[in-house]
N, C-alpha and C. Protein backbone atom coordinates (compact mmCIF):
# COMPACT_ATOMS: atom_id res chain seq x y z
N MET A 1 -6.38 -19.20 -2.64
CA MET A 1 -7.16 -18.07 -3.07
C MET A 1 -6.90 -16.76 -3.77
N PRO A 2 -7.93 -16.11 -4.08
CA PRO A 2 -7.89 -15.49 -5.77
C PRO A 2 -7.30 -14.56 -5.73
N GLY A 3 -7.06 -13.99 -6.99
CA GLY A 3 -6.29 -12.56 -7.11
C GLY A 3 -7.11 -11.32 -6.59
N ILE A 4 -5.96 -10.62 -6.45
CA ILE A 4 -6.42 -8.96 -6.33
C ILE A 4 -6.14 -8.27 -6.92
N SER A 5 -7.35 -7.66 -7.39
CA SER A 5 -6.77 -5.95 -7.63
C SER A 5 -6.60 -4.66 -6.50
N PHE A 6 -6.05 -3.71 -6.83
CA PHE A 6 -6.57 -2.84 -5.81
C PHE A 6 -5.54 -1.83 -6.06
N GLN A 7 -6.36 -0.46 -5.59
CA GLN A 7 -5.33 0.63 -5.32
C GLN A 7 -5.00 1.01 -4.18
N ALA A 8 -2.79 1.78 -4.21
CA ALA A 8 -2.80 1.69 -3.19
C ALA A 8 -2.34 3.32 -3.12
N LEU A 9 -2.47 3.36 -1.78
CA LEU A 9 -1.66 5.11 -1.41
C LEU A 9 -0.37 5.34 -0.49
N ILE A 10 0.36 6.12 -0.60
CA ILE A 10 1.43 5.78 -0.19
C ILE A 10 1.94 6.78 1.00
N TRP A 11 1.62 7.58 2.18
CA TRP A 11 1.97 8.03 2.44
C TRP A 11 3.59 8.33 3.25
N GLY A 12 4.46 8.95 3.73
CA GLY A 12 5.25 8.66 4.73
C GLY A 12 6.57 10.02 4.53
N ASP A 13 7.44 9.57 5.50
CA ASP A 13 8.42 10.49 6.47
C ASP A 13 9.79 9.86 6.16
N ALA A 14 10.19 10.71 4.92
CA ALA A 14 11.70 9.60 5.03
C ALA A 14 13.20 9.70 5.83
N GLU A 15 12.58 10.55 6.44
CA GLU A 15 13.97 11.04 7.74
C GLU A 15 13.71 10.63 8.36
N SER A 16 12.09 10.08 8.89
CA SER A 16 11.72 8.81 9.80
C SER A 16 11.64 7.51 9.68
N GLY A 17 11.52 7.40 8.06
CA GLY A 17 11.55 6.03 7.72
C GLY A 17 9.73 5.10 7.84
N GLN A 18 9.56 6.26 7.75
CA GLN A 18 7.73 5.72 9.00
C GLN A 18 7.27 5.88 7.85
N PHE A 19 6.01 4.93 7.36
CA PHE A 19 5.09 5.31 6.17
C PHE A 19 3.69 4.33 6.42
N ARG A 20 2.65 5.53 5.81
CA ARG A 20 1.36 4.64 5.80
C ARG A 20 1.17 4.47 4.67
N VAL A 21 0.67 3.42 4.89
CA VAL A 21 -0.10 2.25 3.21
C VAL A 21 -1.62 1.84 3.19
N GLN A 22 -2.17 3.09 2.81
CA GLN A 22 -3.83 2.32 2.43
C GLN A 22 -3.80 1.41 1.31
N ILE A 23 -4.91 0.62 0.98
CA ILE A 23 -5.71 0.12 -0.08
C ILE A 23 -6.55 -0.38 -0.56
N ARG A 24 -6.99 0.12 -1.51
CA ARG A 24 -8.29 -0.36 -1.74
C ARG A 24 -8.79 -1.37 -2.71
N PRO A 25 -9.74 -2.27 -2.06
CA PRO A 25 -9.33 -3.50 -3.26
C PRO A 25 -10.80 -2.95 -4.55
N TYR A 26 -10.40 -3.27 -5.86
CA TYR A 26 -11.34 -3.25 -6.54
C TYR A 26 -12.70 -3.37 -6.76
N GLN A 27 -12.52 -4.78 -6.34
CA GLN A 27 -13.62 -5.69 -5.70
C GLN A 27 -14.66 -5.33 -4.97
N TYR A 28 -14.59 -4.54 -4.23
CA TYR A 28 -15.58 -3.74 -3.20
C TYR A 28 -16.02 -2.38 -3.73
N ASN A 29 -15.79 -1.92 -4.95
CA ASN A 29 -15.63 -0.86 -5.56
C ASN A 29 -15.14 0.19 -4.45
N GLY A 30 -14.47 -0.31 -3.55
CA GLY A 30 -13.33 0.89 -2.81
C GLY A 30 -14.10 0.94 -1.69
N ALA A 31 -15.14 0.43 -1.34
CA ALA A 31 -15.81 0.23 -0.13
C ALA A 31 -15.09 0.15 1.22
N LYS A 32 -14.16 -0.91 0.81
CA LYS A 32 -13.38 -1.36 2.11
C LYS A 32 -12.37 -0.72 1.83
N THR A 33 -11.44 -0.23 2.91
CA THR A 33 -9.81 0.36 2.75
C THR A 33 -9.29 -0.50 3.91
N TYR A 34 -8.27 -0.39 3.89
CA TYR A 34 -6.86 -1.35 4.54
C TYR A 34 -5.92 -0.35 4.75
N VAL A 35 -5.34 -0.67 5.88
CA VAL A 35 -4.48 0.53 6.61
C VAL A 35 -2.68 0.13 7.13
N ALA A 36 -1.72 0.01 6.60
CA ALA A 36 -0.60 -0.18 7.39
C ALA A 36 0.39 0.33 7.82
N LEU A 37 1.10 0.02 9.00
CA LEU A 37 2.16 1.53 9.20
C LEU A 37 3.53 0.16 9.33
N MET A 38 4.46 0.81 8.15
CA MET A 38 4.92 0.21 7.92
C MET A 38 7.04 1.10 8.06
N ASN A 39 7.58 0.29 7.90
CA ASN A 39 9.29 0.78 7.88
C ASN A 39 9.68 0.83 6.71
N ALA A 40 10.86 1.21 6.44
CA ALA A 40 11.45 1.60 4.64
C ALA A 40 11.90 0.09 4.47
N GLU A 41 11.80 -0.93 5.32
CA GLU A 41 12.55 -1.90 4.51
C GLU A 41 10.91 -2.99 4.28
N ARG A 42 9.97 -3.06 5.06
CA ARG A 42 8.67 -3.30 4.54
C ARG A 42 8.10 -2.37 4.04
N LEU A 43 8.09 -1.43 3.63
CA LEU A 43 7.67 -0.34 2.50
C LEU A 43 8.59 -0.98 1.28
N SER A 44 9.64 -1.47 0.98
CA SER A 44 10.22 -1.61 0.26
C SER A 44 9.95 -2.99 -0.55
N ASP A 45 9.99 -4.13 0.52
CA ASP A 45 8.85 -5.02 -0.06
C ASP A 45 7.66 -5.35 -0.69
N PHE A 46 6.95 -4.24 -0.46
CA PHE A 46 5.90 -4.37 -0.55
C PHE A 46 5.68 -3.44 -2.24
N VAL A 47 6.45 -2.41 -2.22
CA VAL A 47 6.39 -1.61 -3.69
C VAL A 47 7.22 -2.97 -4.68
N ALA A 48 8.31 -3.86 -3.73
CA ALA A 48 8.16 -5.04 -4.95
C ALA A 48 7.55 -5.51 -5.37
N LEU A 49 6.60 -6.13 -4.45
CA LEU A 49 5.50 -6.93 -4.65
C LEU A 49 4.14 -6.16 -5.47
N SER A 50 4.29 -5.01 -5.34
CA SER A 50 3.83 -4.23 -5.91
C SER A 50 3.65 -4.12 -7.78
N GLY A 51 4.83 -4.03 -7.85
CA GLY A 51 5.75 -4.03 -9.24
C GLY A 51 6.00 -2.11 -9.59
N ALA A 52 6.01 -1.20 -8.53
CA ALA A 52 6.27 0.00 -8.36
C ALA A 52 7.78 0.03 -8.57
N ASP A 53 8.17 1.05 -9.08
CA ASP A 53 9.50 1.24 -9.01
C ASP A 53 9.91 2.38 -8.09
N LEU A 54 10.94 1.66 -7.32
CA LEU A 54 11.41 2.42 -6.05
C LEU A 54 11.13 3.96 -6.52
N LYS A 55 12.05 4.81 -7.55
CA LYS A 55 12.14 6.42 -7.87
C LYS A 55 10.95 7.33 -7.28
N ASP A 56 9.67 5.64 -7.48
CA ASP A 56 8.41 7.00 -7.36
C ASP A 56 8.48 6.60 -5.83
N LEU A 57 9.05 6.43 -4.95
CA LEU A 57 8.86 6.64 -3.61
C LEU A 57 9.64 8.11 -3.21
N SER A 58 10.46 8.95 -4.24
CA SER A 58 11.14 10.38 -3.58
C SER A 58 9.78 11.36 -3.29
N GLY A 59 9.08 11.45 -4.43
CA GLY A 59 7.92 12.53 -3.67
C GLY A 59 7.16 12.25 -2.92
N ILE A 60 7.08 11.43 -1.74
CA ILE A 60 5.78 11.30 -1.12
C ILE A 60 6.11 12.01 0.12
N THR A 61 5.44 12.90 0.92
CA THR A 61 5.53 13.42 1.93
C THR A 61 4.28 12.95 3.12
N PRO A 62 4.15 13.05 3.64
CA PRO A 62 3.21 13.04 4.97
C PRO A 62 2.31 13.97 4.73
N LYS A 63 1.74 14.73 3.35
CA LYS A 63 0.61 15.31 2.90
C LYS A 63 0.55 14.94 1.97
N LYS A 64 0.96 14.69 1.29
CA LYS A 64 1.32 14.51 -0.14
C LYS A 64 1.20 12.46 -0.25
N ALA A 65 0.62 11.82 -1.27
CA ALA A 65 0.68 10.51 -0.92
C ALA A 65 1.01 10.16 -2.75
N LEU A 66 1.91 9.03 -3.02
CA LEU A 66 2.04 8.38 -4.14
C LEU A 66 0.67 7.48 -4.74
N VAL A 67 0.14 7.69 -5.37
CA VAL A 67 -0.68 6.49 -5.96
C VAL A 67 -0.65 5.82 -7.30
N LEU A 68 -1.16 4.50 -6.56
CA LEU A 68 -0.52 3.25 -7.24
C LEU A 68 -1.96 2.67 -7.81
N GLU A 69 -2.27 2.92 -9.14
CA GLU A 69 -3.43 2.57 -9.76
C GLU A 69 -3.15 0.66 -10.12
N GLY A 70 -4.40 0.33 -10.15
CA GLY A 70 -4.03 -1.09 -10.37
C GLY A 70 -3.35 -1.95 -10.56
N VAL A 71 -2.69 -2.39 -9.12
CA VAL A 71 -1.84 -3.40 -8.74
C VAL A 71 -2.55 -4.53 -8.48
N GLU A 72 -2.13 -5.05 -9.40
CA GLU A 72 -2.21 -6.94 -9.03
C GLU A 72 -1.61 -8.28 -8.85
N LEU A 73 -2.56 -9.15 -7.86
CA LEU A 73 -1.30 -9.66 -7.28
C LEU A 73 -2.20 -11.05 -7.84
N GLU A 74 -1.40 -12.08 -8.10
CA GLU A 74 -1.97 -13.38 -8.22
C GLU A 74 -2.94 -14.32 -6.96
N GLU A 75 -2.06 -13.92 -6.11
CA GLU A 75 -2.19 -14.34 -4.49
C GLU A 75 -2.50 -13.45 -3.69
N ALA A 76 -3.92 -13.08 -2.95
CA ALA A 76 -4.03 -11.54 -2.04
C ALA A 76 -3.12 -12.28 -0.35
N SER A 77 -3.17 -13.40 -0.46
CA SER A 77 -2.27 -14.03 0.68
C SER A 77 -1.11 -13.33 0.70
N ASP A 78 -0.04 -13.10 -0.45
CA ASP A 78 0.92 -12.34 -0.41
C ASP A 78 0.86 -10.97 0.20
N LEU A 79 -0.15 -10.63 0.54
CA LEU A 79 0.03 -9.51 1.60
C LEU A 79 -0.10 -9.64 3.38
N THR A 80 -0.32 -10.92 3.20
CA THR A 80 0.04 -11.02 4.96
C THR A 80 1.58 -11.12 5.63
N GLY A 81 1.18 -10.42 6.21
CA GLY A 81 2.47 -10.40 7.18
C GLY A 81 2.98 -8.25 6.48
N PHE A 82 2.56 -8.28 5.81
CA PHE A 82 2.28 -6.05 5.70
C PHE A 82 1.64 -5.87 7.30
N GLY A 83 0.85 -6.64 7.26
CA GLY A 83 -0.02 -5.38 8.67
C GLY A 83 -1.20 -5.14 8.56
N PHE A 84 -1.55 -5.13 7.16
CA PHE A 84 -2.66 -4.15 7.27
C PHE A 84 -3.98 -4.58 7.34
N THR A 85 -4.91 -3.70 8.08
CA THR A 85 -6.21 -4.04 8.99
C THR A 85 -7.17 -3.07 8.51
N LEU A 86 -8.47 -3.61 8.71
CA LEU A 86 -9.33 -3.20 7.95
C LEU A 86 -9.87 -1.78 8.71
N GLN A 87 -9.66 -0.25 7.67
CA GLN A 87 -9.90 0.96 8.44
C GLN A 87 -11.39 1.21 8.73
N GLN A 88 -11.58 1.46 9.95
CA GLN A 88 -13.31 1.80 10.09
C GLN A 88 -13.11 3.22 10.51
N GLY A 89 -14.06 3.66 9.65
CA GLY A 89 -14.70 4.61 9.34
C GLY A 89 -13.74 5.51 8.13
N PRO A 90 -14.04 7.18 7.98
CA PRO A 90 -12.88 7.91 7.19
C PRO A 90 -11.67 7.70 7.56
C-alpha cells in the first residue's frame, strides 16, 4: 500500500482523557476528512506514529485544536486500528 501525507487536527479534554482526531489527506486536496475518537493511550500511539512531540498536546482544548501539518507515513495501513471513519458533511 502506498504512503500517505496528511494534516491532522487534534481536539481534546485532558481531564476526561477523550480526544477527537481529524485527518485530511493531501492526496484528495483536503476534500475527504476522516475522524476518530481516542482515549489518551491511543492518542499517544497516534502522536508517536505521526512524529509529533507529546509536549505539543498540552495546549489543546475542546475548542482549540493542535494542527499537525505535513504528517507522512510510509504505509497508509499504519492508520488501521485507530478507528478512523470517513466524515460525512461538515
